[in-house]
């Protein structure tokens, strides 16, 4: 059994979904592990990870709009507002999604479906640099 760890940095501009599949695939291919398990983990509480459709950009727009409506900013009863009006809603959106993903590795690549991509889901309105840790174990 072999394992490796890596990290990628994702520069976000604003709220939205940022496809990191290419960077993740490139990193996995460099590890010389053909069969195993990949863990992708984001080190933040106001951004998350998701696997979502990569074919129709309307899916991504609808996802952002859904979360905007489900957890609106400037909710009057939010106490945590010192980091901006979008911060508490970002924490809640992160809780509703996930900070980590587990993806099987097959033939030296993440075993994503035809229409799947790995996304950083940025929940804050201002630009950020997001750290995404990668861990792979296998043979």
Protein backbone atom coordinates (compact mmCIF):
# COMPACT_ATOMS: atom_id res chain seq x y z
CA UNK A 1 0.00 0.00 0.00
CA UNK A 2 1.31 3.44 -0.94
CA UNK A 3 0.09 6.87 -0.01
CA UNK A 4 0.84 10.50 -0.81
CA UNK A 5 -0.29 13.95 0.26
CA UNK A 6 -0.45 17.16 -1.71
CA UNK A 7 -2.04 20.57 -1.76
CA UNK A 8 -3.51 22.90 -4.34
CA UNK A 9 -4.41 26.55 -3.88
CA UNK A 10 -7.56 27.87 -5.50
CA UNK A 11 -7.97 31.60 -6.08
CA UNK A 12 -11.65 32.51 -5.99
CA UNK A 13 -13.03 35.80 -7.26
CA UNK A 14 -16.48 35.74 -5.65
CA UNK A 15 -19.28 33.33 -4.81
CA UNK A 16 -19.56 30.40 -7.14
CA UNK A 17 -18.27 26.99 -8.10
CA UNK A 18 -14.66 26.61 -9.24
CA UNK A 19 -13.75 23.46 -11.15
CA UNK A 20 -10.56 21.90 -9.74
CA UNK A 21 -10.87 18.57 -11.56
CA UNK A 22 -7.93 19.19 -13.91
CA UNK A 23 -5.54 20.01 -11.06
CA UNK A 24 -6.74 17.04 -9.00
CA UNK A 25 -6.43 14.66 -11.97
CA UNK A 26 -2.93 15.93 -12.72
CA UNK A 27 -1.83 15.42 -9.12
CA UNK A 28 -3.33 11.92 -8.90
CA UNK A 29 -1.64 10.87 -12.15
CA UNK A 30 1.76 11.91 -10.72
CA UNK A 31 1.36 9.61 -7.69
CA UNK A 32 1.67 6.31 -9.61
CA UNK A 33 -1.26 4.77 -7.75
CA UNK A 34 -3.64 2.92 -10.07
CA UNK A 35 -6.25 1.69 -7.58
CA UNK A 36 -7.13 3.38 -4.32
CA UNK A 37 -9.01 6.11 -2.57
CA UNK A 38 -8.57 9.86 -2.91
CA UNK A 39 -9.59 12.26 -0.16
CA UNK A 40 -10.02 15.93 -1.06
CA UNK A 41 -10.31 18.30 1.91
CA UNK A 42 -10.72 22.09 2.03
CA UNK A 43 -9.19 23.87 5.03
CA UNK A 44 -11.88 26.51 5.40
CA UNK A 45 -15.24 27.00 7.10
CA UNK A 46 -16.74 29.41 4.56
CA UNK A 47 -16.08 27.38 1.41
CA UNK A 48 -16.80 23.75 0.66
CA UNK A 49 -16.35 20.97 -1.88
CA UNK A 50 -18.90 19.27 -4.08
CA UNK A 51 -19.11 16.97 -7.06
CA UNK A 52 -21.53 18.37 -9.59
CA UNK A 53 -22.42 18.33 -13.28
CA UNK A 54 -19.82 19.83 -15.61
CA UNK A 55 -21.81 19.99 -18.85
CA UNK A 56 -24.47 22.66 -18.43
CA UNK A 57 -23.35 25.91 -16.74
CA UNK A 58 -26.96 26.56 -15.72
CA UNK A 59 -26.60 23.79 -13.13
CA UNK A 60 -23.85 25.77 -11.39
CA UNK A 61 -25.80 29.02 -11.58
CA UNK A 62 -28.89 27.30 -10.17
CA UNK A 63 -26.83 25.81 -7.32
CA UNK A 64 -25.54 29.26 -6.31
CA UNK A 65 -29.03 30.75 -6.56
CA UNK A 66 -30.53 27.92 -4.50
CA UNK A 67 -28.07 28.48 -1.65
CA UNK A 68 -28.58 32.26 -1.86
CA UNK A 69 -32.31 31.74 -1.34
CA UNK A 70 -31.98 28.97 1.24
CA UNK A 71 -29.46 30.84 3.44
CA UNK A 72 -29.75 34.58 2.70
CA UNK A 73 -27.15 37.09 3.82
CA UNK A 74 -27.92 39.82 6.32
CA UNK A 75 -30.34 37.62 8.22
CA UNK A 76 -31.24 39.85 11.20
CA UNK A 77 -30.81 37.20 13.88
CA UNK A 78 -27.23 36.21 12.84
CA UNK A 79 -24.85 37.18 15.65
CA UNK A 80 -21.59 36.41 13.84
CA UNK A 81 -21.23 39.48 11.64
CA UNK A 82 -17.74 40.82 12.46
CA UNK A 83 -16.27 39.34 9.25
CA UNK A 84 -18.95 40.75 6.99
CA UNK A 85 -22.62 40.24 6.16
CA UNK A 86 -21.89 37.13 4.06
CA UNK A 87 -19.77 35.26 6.61
CA UNK A 88 -22.37 33.53 8.78
CA UNK A 89 -24.41 32.49 5.76
CA UNK A 90 -21.17 31.09 4.28
CA UNK A 91 -20.58 29.00 7.41
CA UNK A 92 -24.10 27.57 7.20
CA UNK A 93 -23.77 26.81 3.48
CA UNK A 94 -20.52 24.99 4.18
CA UNK A 95 -22.24 22.90 6.85
CA UNK A 96 -24.97 21.98 4.36
CA UNK A 97 -22.42 20.84 1.79
CA UNK A 98 -19.09 19.32 2.85
CA UNK A 99 -15.45 20.15 3.56
CA UNK A 100 -14.28 16.79 2.16
CA UNK A 101 -14.86 14.26 -0.61
CA UNK A 102 -13.85 10.61 -0.95
CA UNK A 103 -13.37 9.50 -4.54
CA UNK A 104 -12.32 6.05 -5.75
CA UNK A 105 -9.21 5.93 -7.92
CA UNK A 106 -9.35 3.58 -10.89
CA UNK A 107 -6.76 3.24 -13.64
CA UNK A 108 -4.72 6.01 -12.02
CA UNK A 109 -7.50 8.61 -12.16
CA UNK A 110 -10.37 9.79 -9.95
CA UNK A 111 -13.32 7.59 -10.95
CA UNK A 112 -15.69 10.45 -11.75
CA UNK A 113 -18.71 9.92 -13.93
CA UNK A 114 -18.94 11.33 -17.45
CA UNK A 115 -20.67 14.55 -16.38
CA UNK A 116 -19.04 14.97 -12.96
CA UNK A 117 -16.44 17.50 -11.85
CA UNK A 118 -14.90 18.43 -8.51
CA UNK A 119 -15.69 21.98 -7.41
CA UNK A 120 -14.64 24.36 -4.69
CA UNK A 121 -17.89 26.02 -3.69
CA UNK A 122 -16.98 29.55 -2.60
CA UNK A 123 -19.60 31.00 -0.28
CA UNK A 124 -18.01 34.43 0.30
CA UNK A 125 -18.48 37.47 -1.93
CA UNK A 126 -14.85 38.65 -1.89
CA UNK A 127 -11.77 36.92 -3.38
CA UNK A 128 -10.01 34.28 -1.30
CA UNK A 129 -7.15 31.84 -1.62
CA UNK A 130 -8.48 28.42 -0.63
CA UNK A 131 -6.21 25.55 0.41
CA UNK A 132 -7.30 22.12 -0.74
CA UNK A 133 -5.45 19.11 0.67
CA UNK A 134 -5.19 15.88 -1.29
CA UNK A 135 -4.47 12.44 0.14
CA UNK A 136 -4.33 9.22 -1.83
CA UNK A 137 -3.85 5.67 -0.62
CA UNK A 138 -3.68 2.58 -2.78
CA UNK A 139 -1.57 0.39 -4.99
